Amino acid sequence: MNEAIVVVNILGAASLLLWGLRMVSTGVTRTFGGDLRHWINIGTGNRTTALLTGAAVTIALQSSTATCLMSASFAGRGLMTAATAQSIMLGANIGTSLVAKLLTFNVGPLSALLVLVGMALFRSGEGKRRHMARIFIGLGLMLLSLHLLDGASEPLRDSPRLRQVLHDLDGLWLVGLILAALIAMAAHSSIASILLILPLAAKGDFSLSFGLAMILGANLGSAIPPLLETGKERPAVRRVPLGNALVRLIGCALVFPFLNRVAEALPMLESARAAQLVDFHIAFNLVLALLFLPLVAPMGRLVERLRPDDAKAEDPRQPRYLDESALGSPSVAIGAATRETLRIADFVEEMLRQTMEMLRTDNTHLASEVVKTVHVVEALHQAVKLYLSRLANEDLDEAGRRRANEIMTFAINLEHVGDIVDHNLKEAAEKKIKHRLSFSAEGFADLSAMFHQTLENLKMATAVFVSGDVKLARQLVAEKTGMRAIERNATDAHLARLREGRRESIETSTLHLDILRDLKRVNAHIVSVAYPILELRGELEESRLRTAK
């Protein structure tokens, strides 16, 4: 029973450490998410700056895994090359080893102060202040967990049974490497696994060489979670964690045969066993950086061969900009959702053009293209909705919540436009082709003018959606009135041709009026993007009805 309590206490302290790491990473990402990505972008001019950027970002995030996933996302979207991403990861590995060194200092008394400051920030406001609070609370919990871990593991370190097990394992370096790799993989963190190993090493129940093997295992094991998390991503995304894992694997293979010699040299630098292991951890990643930084270009080509691009074309129904790693930073996630919604608008424009071309050329093959495109619109609309729903409401400030609602509303309206084109305009074109009907020259000119104006309004709506420009929003709403006039004039002209007994107008009357009505409905959905912008600035009246006398 006592042994079970000891294990539970150790696991609880380790869990608190991981939770503190996560809080710091989340807080930094949500406070500086956009800036972090900007720093990564501007810090990739050459290999050296990319390495330094990777180290700095990892120290801020307290996690090389987070840096790896962020870099992989950038590489997957073509914002950086595989070689640049590998340079960043070499720096990230240095950064995580420096974090482990910092956490070995006796700063335990700071934990209560950090938590107190964090709680004060959390209760005093919203938005960035609360995200900063996460950073302070996370750091405080990490320091507290180290104190608890030291106390919880003391009975274990004094256990004769554990000493015997460690004594029996001593000399089996490969077993120590694998054991530490499994711990790091389970913890998703080399920092956590190394901090678990150090108290056992300090007792001196196993040789320094065996401890060094465990440090190598911690480095190797922490490279595996990003491989697993990106397993279903595009090849360009998977190359970054694969390259990082290969670098660590090669590094472990190169150092492993010389652990005894390294163990003989370390006591000349440090007397404490735990400090020797941490210094080896830093030195290992520094040497890897010096060794592989000149080789990032061939490493990039190697991982491109190991993870080649798929031969099949990109599925347009799959989101292109909805970056999962950006969800921790609401401002970045909202930007990603905005770009994906603009992509939906492009497909809706394509549907309108395809339908107009069907009416003009009687090309029946375009009907299947419209159906394919509407499926893309529906899939992307659903993806944007689900993506925005995963943003925690408390992490958004008022402006963020408003923008998220605007994106959601515009995506829904675009999906409605797609439905109108698919179920109404396309079917009207198919009826025209099936029954071999022809519009009068004047009637088709009116329809073409309305299609053209609809496309222009869609372009203006996307500009309003991106810029939030009030003047442009007013112009877009004014175009709705203009569209009503175009529709009314086209209808009057069509009725006049009916009275004249024009054969083409009589045969296509229902189709003609339906298309005019449907294009009017399409424009109503398009113009709706302007209303939230104008309403926010008090530019809209509550009702268009005049006051009754």
Protein backbone atom coordinates (compact mmCIF):
# COMPACT_ATOMS: atom_id res chain seq x y z
CA MET A 1 0.00 0.00 0.00
CA ASN A 2 2.85 2.38 0.86
CA GLU A 3 4.48 1.62 -2.50
CA ALA A 4 1.22 2.40 -4.29
CA ILE A 5 0.97 5.74 -2.49
CA VAL A 6 4.54 6.60 -3.49
CA VAL A 7 3.83 5.79 -7.15
CA VAL A 8 0.60 7.83 -7.11
CA ASN A 9 2.44 10.78 -5.55
CA ILE A 10 5.17 10.62 -8.20
CA LEU A 11 2.66 10.34 -11.04
CA GLY A 12 0.65 13.22 -9.57
CA ALA A 13 3.71 15.44 -9.32
CA ALA A 14 4.74 14.50 -12.87
CA SER A 15 1.22 15.28 -14.11
CA LEU A 16 1.35 18.67 -12.41
CA LEU A 17 4.65 19.34 -14.18
CA LEU A 18 3.12 18.46 -17.55
CA TRP A 19 0.07 20.60 -16.81
CA GLY A 20 2.30 23.53 -15.89
CA LEU A 21 4.25 23.08 -19.14
CA ARG A 22 0.98 23.06 -21.07
CA MET A 23 -0.31 26.18 -19.34
CA VAL A 24 2.89 28.09 -20.13
CA SER A 25 2.81 26.93 -23.75
CA THR A 26 -0.87 27.81 -24.13
CA GLY A 27 -0.45 31.17 -22.43
CA VAL A 28 2.52 32.16 -24.58
CA THR A 29 0.80 30.97 -27.77
CA ARG A 30 -2.42 32.85 -27.04
CA THR A 31 -0.65 36.01 -25.90
CA PHE A 32 2.01 36.17 -28.59
CA GLY A 33 0.70 33.62 -31.13
CA GLY A 34 0.64 35.95 -34.11
CA ASP A 35 3.95 37.53 -33.09
CA LEU A 36 5.57 34.12 -32.58
CA ARG A 37 4.64 33.13 -36.11
CA HIS A 38 5.83 36.50 -37.37
CA TRP A 39 9.15 36.04 -35.54
CA ILE A 40 9.53 32.59 -37.05
CA ASN A 41 8.84 34.00 -40.52
CA ILE A 42 11.34 36.86 -40.23
CA GLY A 43 13.85 34.65 -38.41
CA THR A 44 14.29 32.21 -41.28
CA GLY A 45 16.50 34.35 -43.51
CA ASN A 46 19.45 31.97 -43.08
CA ARG A 47 20.32 28.81 -41.18
CA THR A 48 21.87 30.55 -38.19
CA THR A 49 18.97 32.93 -37.58
CA ALA A 50 16.53 30.05 -38.05
CA LEU A 51 18.41 28.05 -35.41
CA LEU A 52 18.41 30.98 -32.95
CA THR A 53 14.72 31.60 -33.65
CA GLY A 54 13.91 27.96 -32.91
CA ALA A 55 15.78 28.14 -29.61
CA ALA A 56 14.10 31.41 -28.56
CA VAL A 57 10.58 30.23 -29.45
CA THR A 58 11.10 26.93 -27.62
CA ILE A 59 12.32 28.68 -24.47
CA ALA A 60 9.19 30.85 -24.61
CA LEU A 61 6.87 27.89 -25.25
CA GLN A 62 8.73 25.50 -22.91
CA SER A 63 8.16 22.80 -25.51
CA SER A 64 10.12 21.66 -28.56
CA THR A 65 7.06 19.62 -29.57
CA ALA A 66 5.01 22.80 -29.93
CA THR A 67 7.79 24.40 -32.00
CA CYS A 68 8.00 21.29 -34.17
CA LEU A 69 4.26 21.26 -34.88
CA MET A 70 4.29 24.99 -35.65
CA SER A 71 7.24 24.62 -38.04
CA ALA A 72 5.62 21.59 -39.67
CA SER A 73 2.47 23.62 -40.24
CA PHE A 74 4.47 26.40 -41.89
CA ALA A 75 6.34 23.94 -44.10
CA GLY A 76 3.09 22.24 -45.06
CA ARG A 77 1.66 25.55 -46.28
CA GLY A 78 4.79 26.35 -48.28
CA LEU A 79 5.87 29.22 -46.00
CA MET A 80 9.30 27.69 -45.40
CA THR A 81 11.47 24.97 -46.91
CA ALA A 82 12.20 21.63 -45.28
CA ALA A 83 15.82 22.76 -44.76
CA THR A 84 14.72 25.90 -42.91
CA ALA A 85 12.36 23.89 -40.73
CA GLN A 86 15.22 21.51 -39.85
CA SER A 87 17.37 24.50 -38.82
CA ILE A 88 14.56 25.69 -36.54
CA MET A 89 14.30 22.24 -34.97
CA LEU A 90 18.05 22.12 -34.27
CA GLY A 91 17.59 25.37 -32.35
CA ALA A 92 14.45 24.04 -30.66
CA ASN A 93 16.40 21.08 -29.28
CA ILE A 94 18.97 23.46 -27.81
CA GLY A 95 16.18 25.58 -26.33
CA THR A 96 14.50 22.66 -24.59
CA SER A 97 17.82 21.54 -23.06
CA LEU A 98 18.40 25.05 -21.70
CA VAL A 99 14.91 25.01 -20.15
CA ALA A 100 15.78 21.75 -18.39
CA LYS A 101 18.94 23.39 -17.02
CA LEU A 102 16.99 26.41 -15.72
CA LEU A 103 14.51 24.18 -13.94
CA THR A 104 17.26 22.42 -11.99
CA PHE A 105 18.09 25.59 -10.06
CA ASN A 106 16.54 25.97 -6.63
CA VAL A 107 13.80 28.47 -7.40
CA GLY A 108 11.07 26.60 -5.55
CA PRO A 109 10.16 29.51 -3.23
CA LEU A 110 9.11 31.49 -6.31
CA SER A 111 6.27 29.07 -7.07
CA ALA A 112 3.79 30.58 -4.60
CA LEU A 113 4.58 34.12 -5.77
CA LEU A 114 4.13 33.19 -9.44
CA VAL A 115 0.79 31.51 -8.78
CA LEU A 116 -0.34 34.51 -6.70
CA VAL A 117 0.57 36.96 -9.48
CA GLY A 118 -1.13 34.72 -12.04
CA MET A 119 -4.36 34.53 -10.06
CA ALA A 120 -4.38 38.30 -9.58
CA LEU A 121 -3.99 38.81 -13.34
CA PHE A 122 -6.65 36.20 -14.09
CA ARG A 123 -9.23 37.84 -11.84
CA SER A 124 -8.46 41.38 -12.96
CA GLY A 125 -9.40 41.21 -16.60
CA GLU A 126 -9.98 39.29 -19.82
CA GLY A 127 -8.19 38.65 -23.09
CA LYS A 128 -4.41 38.98 -23.04
CA ARG A 129 -4.30 39.60 -19.31
CA ARG A 130 -5.81 36.17 -18.68
CA HIS A 131 -3.41 34.55 -21.14
CA MET A 132 -0.49 36.18 -19.30
CA ALA A 133 -1.98 34.78 -16.10
CA ARG A 134 -1.68 31.28 -17.58
CA ILE A 135 2.05 31.84 -18.07
CA PHE A 136 2.63 32.85 -14.44
CA ILE A 137 0.40 30.11 -13.01
CA GLY A 138 2.00 27.52 -15.29
CA LEU A 139 5.52 28.49 -14.20
CA GLY A 140 4.45 28.40 -10.57
CA LEU A 141 2.92 24.94 -10.97
CA MET A 142 6.07 23.68 -12.69
CA LEU A 143 8.27 24.84 -9.81
CA LEU A 144 5.83 23.44 -7.27
CA SER A 145 5.73 20.11 -9.10
CA LEU A 146 9.53 19.83 -8.95
CA HIS A 147 9.40 20.31 -5.18
CA LEU A 148 6.63 17.69 -4.91
CA LEU A 149 8.48 15.33 -7.24
CA ASP A 150 11.60 15.53 -5.11
CA GLY A 151 9.63 14.74 -1.94
CA ALA A 152 7.48 12.04 -3.54
CA SER A 153 10.45 10.19 -5.01
CA GLU A 154 12.49 10.19 -1.78
CA PRO A 155 10.99 6.90 -0.47
CA LEU A 156 11.57 5.39 -3.89
CA ARG A 157 15.19 6.54 -3.98
CA ASP A 158 15.73 4.99 -0.55
CA SER A 159 14.06 1.71 -1.54
CA PRO A 160 16.49 -1.28 -1.40
CA ARG A 161 14.39 -3.02 -4.08
CA LEU A 162 14.75 -0.14 -6.53
CA ARG A 163 18.46 0.11 -5.81
CA GLN A 164 18.81 -3.56 -6.66
CA VAL A 165 16.84 -3.12 -9.91
CA LEU A 166 18.97 -0.14 -10.94
CA HIS A 167 22.11 -2.04 -10.01
CA ASP A 168 21.01 -4.99 -12.17
CA LEU A 169 20.21 -2.70 -15.11
CA ASP A 170 23.48 -0.81 -14.83
CA GLY A 171 25.60 -1.64 -17.83
CA LEU A 172 22.56 -2.37 -20.02
CA TRP A 173 22.74 0.96 -21.75
CA LEU A 174 20.28 0.06 -24.49
CA VAL A 175 17.66 -0.85 -21.88
CA GLY A 176 18.17 2.52 -20.18
CA LEU A 177 17.88 4.32 -23.50
CA ILE A 178 14.65 2.54 -24.41
CA LEU A 179 13.18 3.04 -20.92
CA ALA A 180 13.86 6.79 -20.99
CA ALA A 181 12.55 7.04 -24.57
CA LEU A 182 9.26 5.43 -23.49
CA ILE A 183 8.95 7.86 -20.56
CA ALA A 184 9.60 10.86 -22.84
CA MET A 185 7.17 9.57 -25.45
CA ALA A 186 4.44 9.06 -22.85
CA ALA A 187 5.08 12.49 -21.31
CA HIS A 188 5.34 14.22 -24.73
CA SER A 189 8.30 16.08 -23.26
CA SER A 190 12.04 15.54 -22.90
CA ILE A 191 12.03 18.14 -20.10
CA ALA A 192 9.58 16.14 -17.96
CA SER A 193 11.37 12.84 -18.54
CA ILE A 194 14.81 14.27 -17.69
CA LEU A 195 13.48 15.90 -14.53
CA LEU A 196 12.10 12.49 -13.54
CA ILE A 197 15.46 10.84 -14.17
CA LEU A 198 17.62 13.36 -12.27
CA PRO A 199 16.46 12.53 -8.71
CA LEU A 200 17.28 8.86 -9.31
CA ALA A 201 20.67 9.76 -10.78
CA ALA A 202 21.52 12.01 -7.83
CA LYS A 203 21.42 9.01 -5.49
CA GLY A 204 24.27 7.35 -7.40
CA ASP A 205 22.67 3.89 -7.60
CA PHE A 206 23.69 3.47 -11.24
CA SER A 207 26.72 4.50 -13.21
CA LEU A 208 27.04 7.81 -14.98
CA SER A 209 27.22 5.96 -18.31
CA PHE A 210 23.80 4.42 -17.70
CA GLY A 211 22.43 7.88 -16.84
CA LEU A 212 23.87 9.27 -20.08
CA ALA A 213 22.14 6.48 -22.01
CA MET A 214 18.84 7.54 -20.39
CA ILE A 215 19.46 11.16 -21.43
CA LEU A 216 19.94 9.96 -25.02
CA GLY A 217 16.69 8.03 -24.71
CA ALA A 218 14.85 11.11 -23.45
CA ASN A 219 16.06 13.06 -26.49
CA LEU A 220 15.01 10.31 -28.87
CA GLY A 221 11.65 9.62 -27.24
CA SER A 222 10.51 13.26 -27.31
CA ALA A 223 10.89 13.29 -31.11
CA ILE A 224 8.27 10.55 -31.52
CA PRO A 225 5.01 12.34 -30.45
CA PRO A 226 5.20 14.93 -33.29
CA LEU A 227 5.67 12.03 -35.73
CA LEU A 228 2.48 10.43 -34.43
CA GLU A 229 0.49 13.67 -34.29
CA THR A 230 1.26 14.54 -37.92
CA GLY A 231 0.77 11.01 -39.21
CA LYS A 232 -2.37 11.90 -41.19
CA GLU A 233 -1.15 15.26 -42.47
CA ARG A 234 0.20 16.08 -45.92
CA PRO A 235 3.73 14.82 -46.70
CA ALA A 236 5.14 18.36 -46.50
CA VAL A 237 3.94 18.56 -42.87
CA ARG A 238 5.28 15.14 -41.91
CA ARG A 239 8.79 15.87 -43.20
CA VAL A 240 9.70 18.22 -40.33
CA PRO A 241 9.15 15.80 -37.40
CA LEU A 242 10.66 12.98 -39.48
CA GLY A 243 13.84 15.00 -40.09
CA ASN A 244 14.04 15.92 -36.40
CA ALA A 245 13.67 12.25 -35.38
CA LEU A 246 16.34 11.18 -37.86
CA VAL A 247 18.78 13.79 -36.54
CA ARG A 248 18.28 12.62 -32.96
CA LEU A 249 18.51 8.97 -33.95
CA ILE A 250 21.79 9.56 -35.81
CA GLY A 251 23.09 11.59 -32.86
CA CYS A 252 22.26 8.81 -30.41
CA ALA A 253 23.92 6.22 -32.66
CA LEU A 254 27.09 8.31 -32.92
CA VAL A 255 27.42 9.01 -29.19
CA PHE A 256 26.20 5.67 -27.82
CA PRO A 257 29.50 3.74 -28.28
CA PHE A 258 31.47 6.46 -26.48
CA LEU A 259 29.39 6.85 -23.32
CA ASN A 260 32.17 5.53 -21.07
CA ARG A 261 34.64 8.11 -22.37
CA VAL A 262 32.07 10.88 -21.97
CA ALA A 263 31.36 9.67 -18.43
CA GLU A 264 35.07 9.88 -17.62
CA ALA A 265 35.32 13.48 -18.86
CA LEU A 266 32.19 14.95 -17.24
CA PRO A 267 33.40 14.90 -13.59
CA MET A 268 36.11 17.37 -14.59
CA LEU A 269 33.35 19.90 -15.39
CA GLU A 270 30.78 19.17 -12.68
CA SER A 271 30.88 17.30 -9.39
CA ALA A 272 27.11 16.76 -8.94
CA ARG A 273 25.70 13.79 -10.86
CA ALA A 274 22.44 15.54 -11.83
CA ALA A 275 24.31 18.59 -13.13
CA GLN A 276 26.59 16.34 -15.19
CA LEU A 277 23.59 14.76 -16.91
CA VAL A 278 21.96 18.12 -17.68
CA ASP A 279 25.23 19.48 -19.04
CA PHE A 280 25.51 16.42 -21.27
CA HIS A 281 21.95 17.04 -22.47
CA ILE A 282 22.88 20.61 -23.50
CA ALA A 283 26.20 19.56 -25.04
CA PHE A 284 24.55 16.76 -27.01
CA ASN A 285 22.09 19.16 -28.66
CA LEU A 286 24.77 21.80 -29.27
CA VAL A 287 26.99 19.26 -31.01
CA LEU A 288 24.04 18.05 -33.09
CA ALA A 289 23.37 21.65 -34.15
CA LEU A 290 27.00 22.23 -35.13
CA LEU A 291 27.16 18.91 -36.97
CA PHE A 292 23.87 19.09 -38.88
CA LEU A 293 23.42 22.82 -39.50
CA PRO A 294 25.68 22.67 -42.59
CA LEU A 295 23.75 19.57 -43.69
CA VAL A 296 20.16 20.85 -43.47
CA ALA A 297 19.88 21.14 -47.27
CA PRO A 298 20.74 17.46 -47.94
CA MET A 299 18.61 16.50 -44.91
CA GLY A 300 15.74 18.41 -46.49
CA ARG A 301 16.19 16.52 -49.74
CA LEU A 302 16.39 13.22 -47.84
CA VAL A 303 13.09 13.72 -46.02
CA GLU A 304 11.47 14.85 -49.29
CA ARG A 305 12.49 11.49 -50.77
CA LEU A 306 11.27 9.61 -47.71
CA ARG A 307 7.99 11.57 -47.68
CA PRO A 308 7.33 12.45 -51.34
CA ASP A 309 4.30 14.48 -52.34
CA ASP A 310 1.21 12.45 -53.13
CA ALA A 311 0.82 11.68 -56.80
CA LYS A 312 -2.91 12.38 -56.67
CA ALA A 313 -4.19 15.92 -56.94
CA GLU A 314 -5.15 17.86 -53.85
CA ASP A 315 -8.73 17.24 -52.75
CA PRO A 316 -10.40 20.68 -52.94
CA ARG A 317 -12.88 19.60 -50.25
CA GLN A 318 -10.05 19.48 -47.72
CA PRO A 319 -9.36 22.78 -45.90
CA ARG A 320 -6.15 24.44 -46.97
CA TYR A 321 -5.72 27.10 -44.29
CA LEU A 322 -7.41 25.72 -41.14
CA ASP A 323 -4.22 25.12 -39.19
CA GLU A 324 -4.89 22.92 -36.15
CA SER A 325 -1.85 24.26 -34.31
CA ALA A 326 -3.26 27.80 -34.61
CA LEU A 327 -6.25 27.00 -32.39
CA GLY A 328 -4.16 27.86 -29.35
CA SER A 329 -3.85 31.42 -30.69
CA PRO A 330 -7.33 32.85 -31.39
CA SER A 331 -6.12 35.76 -33.50
CA VAL A 332 -4.14 33.43 -35.79
CA ALA A 333 -7.02 30.93 -35.95
CA ILE A 334 -9.46 33.66 -36.94
CA GLY A 335 -7.07 34.71 -39.70
CA ALA A 336 -6.93 31.10 -40.93
CA ALA A 337 -10.74 30.85 -40.93
CA THR A 338 -10.94 34.13 -42.86
CA ARG A 339 -8.64 32.78 -45.59
CA GLU A 340 -10.62 29.54 -45.85
CA THR A 341 -13.90 31.47 -46.13
CA LEU A 342 -12.42 33.51 -48.98
CA ARG A 343 -11.65 30.20 -50.64
CA ILE A 344 -15.35 29.28 -50.31
CA ALA A 345 -16.22 32.59 -52.02
CA ASP A 346 -13.91 31.67 -54.92
CA PHE A 347 -15.73 28.37 -55.42
CA VAL A 348 -19.13 30.11 -55.26
CA GLU A 349 -17.95 32.54 -57.95
CA GLU A 350 -16.85 29.56 -60.04
CA MET A 351 -20.33 28.00 -59.68
CA LEU A 352 -22.00 31.19 -60.88
CA ARG A 353 -19.71 31.36 -63.91
CA GLN A 354 -20.31 27.68 -64.70
CA THR A 355 -24.08 28.19 -64.58
CA MET A 356 -23.90 31.26 -66.80
CA GLU A 357 -21.79 29.30 -69.28
CA MET A 358 -24.41 26.49 -69.28
CA LEU A 359 -27.12 29.00 -70.18
CA ARG A 360 -24.97 30.49 -72.93
CA THR A 361 -23.54 27.33 -74.56
CA ASP A 362 -26.00 24.56 -73.56
CA ASN A 363 -23.01 22.53 -72.32
CA THR A 364 -24.51 19.70 -70.24
CA HIS A 365 -21.09 18.61 -68.91
CA LEU A 366 -20.94 21.78 -66.81
CA ALA A 367 -23.84 20.51 -64.70
CA SER A 368 -21.60 17.82 -63.17
CA GLU A 369 -18.93 20.47 -62.54
CA VAL A 370 -21.46 22.58 -60.64
CA VAL A 371 -22.40 19.55 -58.52
CA LYS A 372 -18.72 18.87 -57.72
CA THR A 373 -18.16 22.50 -56.80
CA VAL A 374 -21.19 22.69 -54.51
CA HIS A 375 -19.89 19.63 -52.65
CA VAL A 376 -16.62 21.50 -52.13
CA VAL A 377 -18.52 24.55 -50.83
CA GLU A 378 -20.55 22.42 -48.41
CA ALA A 379 -17.46 20.59 -47.12
CA LEU A 380 -15.45 23.79 -46.57
CA HIS A 381 -18.43 25.54 -44.97
CA GLN A 382 -18.76 22.67 -42.50
CA ALA A 383 -15.00 22.69 -41.82
CA VAL A 384 -14.98 26.43 -41.07
CA LYS A 385 -17.94 26.08 -38.69
CA LEU A 386 -16.34 23.22 -36.78
CA TYR A 387 -12.98 25.01 -36.67
CA LEU A 388 -14.48 28.18 -35.20
CA SER A 389 -16.56 26.16 -32.73
CA ARG A 390 -13.33 24.75 -31.28
CA LEU A 391 -12.16 28.21 -30.26
CA ALA A 392 -12.81 28.58 -26.54
CA ASN A 393 -15.15 31.52 -25.98
CA GLU A 394 -13.27 32.71 -22.90
CA ASP A 395 -10.07 33.00 -24.92
CA LEU A 396 -11.63 35.54 -27.29
CA ASP A 397 -12.03 39.20 -26.54
CA GLU A 398 -15.11 41.10 -27.71
CA ALA A 399 -13.56 41.95 -31.08
CA GLY A 400 -12.51 38.32 -31.57
CA ARG A 401 -15.98 36.99 -30.80
CA ARG A 402 -17.53 39.52 -33.16
CA ARG A 403 -15.12 38.61 -35.96
CA ALA A 404 -15.73 34.88 -35.44
CA ASN A 405 -19.47 35.50 -35.78
CA GLU A 406 -18.91 37.54 -38.96
CA ILE A 407 -16.88 34.71 -40.49
CA MET A 408 -19.49 32.13 -39.52
CA THR A 409 -22.32 34.26 -40.94
CA PHE A 410 -20.55 34.91 -44.25
CA ALA A 411 -19.65 31.22 -44.64
CA ILE A 412 -23.30 30.24 -44.01
CA ASN A 413 -24.56 32.79 -46.55
CA LEU A 414 -22.06 31.56 -49.15
CA GLU A 415 -23.28 28.01 -48.57
CA HIS A 416 -26.88 29.22 -49.12
CA VAL A 417 -25.78 30.84 -52.38
CA GLY A 418 -24.24 27.52 -53.43
CA ASP A 419 -27.56 25.78 -52.72
CA ILE A 420 -29.48 28.31 -54.81
CA VAL A 421 -27.08 27.89 -57.72
CA ASP A 422 -27.19 24.09 -57.47
CA HIS A 423 -30.90 23.55 -56.87
CA ASN A 424 -32.34 26.45 -58.86
CA LEU A 425 -30.05 28.09 -61.41
CA LYS A 426 -28.40 24.86 -62.55
CA GLU A 427 -31.75 23.10 -62.84
CA ALA A 428 -33.12 26.02 -64.86
CA ALA A 429 -30.16 25.69 -67.23
CA GLU A 430 -30.72 21.94 -67.50
CA LYS A 431 -34.40 22.47 -68.38
CA LYS A 432 -33.41 24.95 -71.07
CA ILE A 433 -31.00 22.41 -72.58
CA LYS A 434 -33.38 19.45 -72.22
CA HIS A 435 -36.29 21.21 -73.94
CA ARG A 436 -34.03 22.95 -76.49
CA LEU A 437 -35.25 26.40 -75.56
CA SER A 438 -33.65 29.71 -76.46
CA PHE A 439 -33.93 33.09 -74.80
CA SER A 440 -34.58 36.15 -76.89
CA ALA A 441 -31.47 38.20 -77.58
CA GLU A 442 -32.77 41.00 -75.35
CA GLY A 443 -33.79 38.57 -72.59
CA PHE A 444 -30.42 36.83 -72.52
CA ALA A 445 -28.67 40.22 -72.45
CA ASP A 446 -30.74 41.13 -69.35
CA LEU A 447 -29.83 37.83 -67.66
CA SER A 448 -26.16 38.28 -68.54
CA ALA A 449 -26.18 41.80 -67.07
CA MET A 450 -27.69 40.50 -63.83
CA PHE A 451 -25.16 37.64 -63.63
CA HIS A 452 -22.34 40.09 -64.25
CA GLN A 453 -23.57 42.45 -61.54
CA THR A 454 -23.93 39.51 -59.12
CA LEU A 455 -20.30 38.54 -59.70
CA GLU A 456 -19.18 42.14 -59.17
CA ASN A 457 -21.18 42.30 -55.93
CA LEU A 458 -19.56 39.04 -54.75
CA LYS A 459 -16.10 40.53 -55.34
CA MET A 460 -17.10 43.66 -53.42
CA ALA A 461 -18.53 41.51 -50.60
CA THR A 462 -15.22 39.64 -50.18
CA ALA A 463 -13.40 42.99 -50.03
CA VAL A 464 -15.81 44.20 -47.34
CA PHE A 465 -15.40 40.90 -45.48
CA VAL A 466 -11.62 41.27 -45.38
CA SER A 467 -11.28 45.02 -44.82
CA GLY A 468 -14.38 45.93 -42.82
CA ASP A 469 -14.43 49.21 -44.77
CA VAL A 470 -17.60 51.17 -43.91
CA LYS A 471 -17.65 53.17 -47.15
CA LEU A 472 -17.40 50.00 -49.22
CA ALA A 473 -20.06 48.33 -47.06
CA ARG A 474 -22.45 51.22 -47.73
CA GLN A 475 -21.72 50.92 -51.45
CA LEU A 476 -22.46 47.18 -51.33
CA VAL A 477 -25.82 47.75 -49.62
CA ALA A 478 -26.61 50.42 -52.23
CA GLU A 479 -25.95 47.82 -54.92
CA LYS A 480 -28.79 45.73 -53.45
CA THR A 481 -31.17 48.55 -54.33
CA GLY A 482 -29.58 48.74 -57.77
CA MET A 483 -30.04 44.99 -58.20
CA ARG A 484 -33.73 45.31 -57.37
CA ALA A 485 -34.00 47.94 -60.09
CA ILE A 486 -32.18 45.71 -62.61
CA GLU A 487 -34.47 42.80 -61.74
CA ARG A 488 -37.60 44.96 -61.98
CA ASN A 489 -36.57 46.48 -65.33
CA ALA A 490 -35.66 43.06 -66.73
CA THR A 491 -39.01 41.67 -65.61
CA ASP A 492 -40.92 44.61 -67.16
CA ALA A 493 -39.00 44.20 -70.42
CA HIS A 494 -39.75 40.46 -70.47
CA LEU A 495 -43.47 41.08 -69.89
CA ALA A 496 -43.46 43.61 -72.71
CA ARG A 497 -42.02 40.99 -75.06
CA LEU A 498 -44.72 38.57 -73.92
CA ARG A 499 -47.37 41.13 -74.85
CA GLU A 500 -45.73 41.44 -78.25
CA GLY A 501 -46.15 37.67 -78.69
CA ARG A 502 -42.39 36.90 -79.00
CA ARG A 503 -42.11 33.12 -79.31
CA GLU A 504 -38.78 32.79 -77.44
CA SER A 505 -40.08 34.89 -74.55
CA ILE A 506 -43.28 32.85 -74.28
CA GLU A 507 -41.39 29.51 -74.25
CA THR A 508 -38.81 30.63 -71.66
CA SER A 509 -41.01 32.87 -69.53
CA THR A 510 -41.02 30.69 -66.41
CA LEU A 511 -37.27 30.01 -66.64
CA HIS A 512 -36.51 33.66 -67.29
CA LEU A 513 -38.49 34.94 -64.28
CA ASP A 514 -37.18 32.17 -62.01
CA ILE A 515 -33.56 33.00 -62.87
CA LEU A 516 -34.14 36.71 -62.18
CA ARG A 517 -35.74 35.88 -58.83
CA ASP A 518 -32.96 33.46 -57.86
CA LEU A 519 -30.22 35.94 -58.73
CA LYS A 520 -32.00 38.49 -56.57
CA ARG A 521 -31.95 35.98 -53.67
CA VAL A 522 -28.25 35.30 -54.30
CA ASN A 523 -27.52 39.02 -54.04
CA ALA A 524 -29.45 39.29 -50.79
CA HIS A 525 -27.14 36.67 -49.24
CA ILE A 526 -24.05 38.34 -50.69
CA VAL A 527 -24.95 41.82 -49.40
CA SER A 528 -25.60 40.52 -45.86
CA VAL A 529 -21.84 40.63 -45.15
CA ALA A 530 -22.10 44.42 -44.90
CA TYR A 531 -24.81 44.56 -42.24
CA PRO A 532 -22.73 43.66 -39.12
CA ILE A 533 -20.13 46.27 -40.10
CA LEU A 534 -22.70 49.01 -40.62
CA GLU A 535 -24.71 48.01 -37.54
CA LEU A 536 -21.62 48.21 -35.33
CA ARG A 537 -21.09 51.81 -36.42
CA GLY A 538 -24.75 52.81 -36.16
CA GLU A 539 -25.16 53.12 -39.93
CA LEU A 540 -28.34 51.00 -40.13
CA GLU A 541 -31.91 51.89 -39.26
CA GLU A 542 -33.95 49.40 -37.28
CA SER A 543 -36.70 49.26 -39.91
CA ARG A 544 -37.23 50.39 -43.46
CA LEU A 545 -40.94 51.01 -42.73
CA ARG A 546 -42.07 54.57 -42.41
CA THR A 547 -43.69 55.59 -39.15
CA ALA A 548 -47.47 55.25 -39.38
CA LYS A 549 -49.36 58.54 -39.33
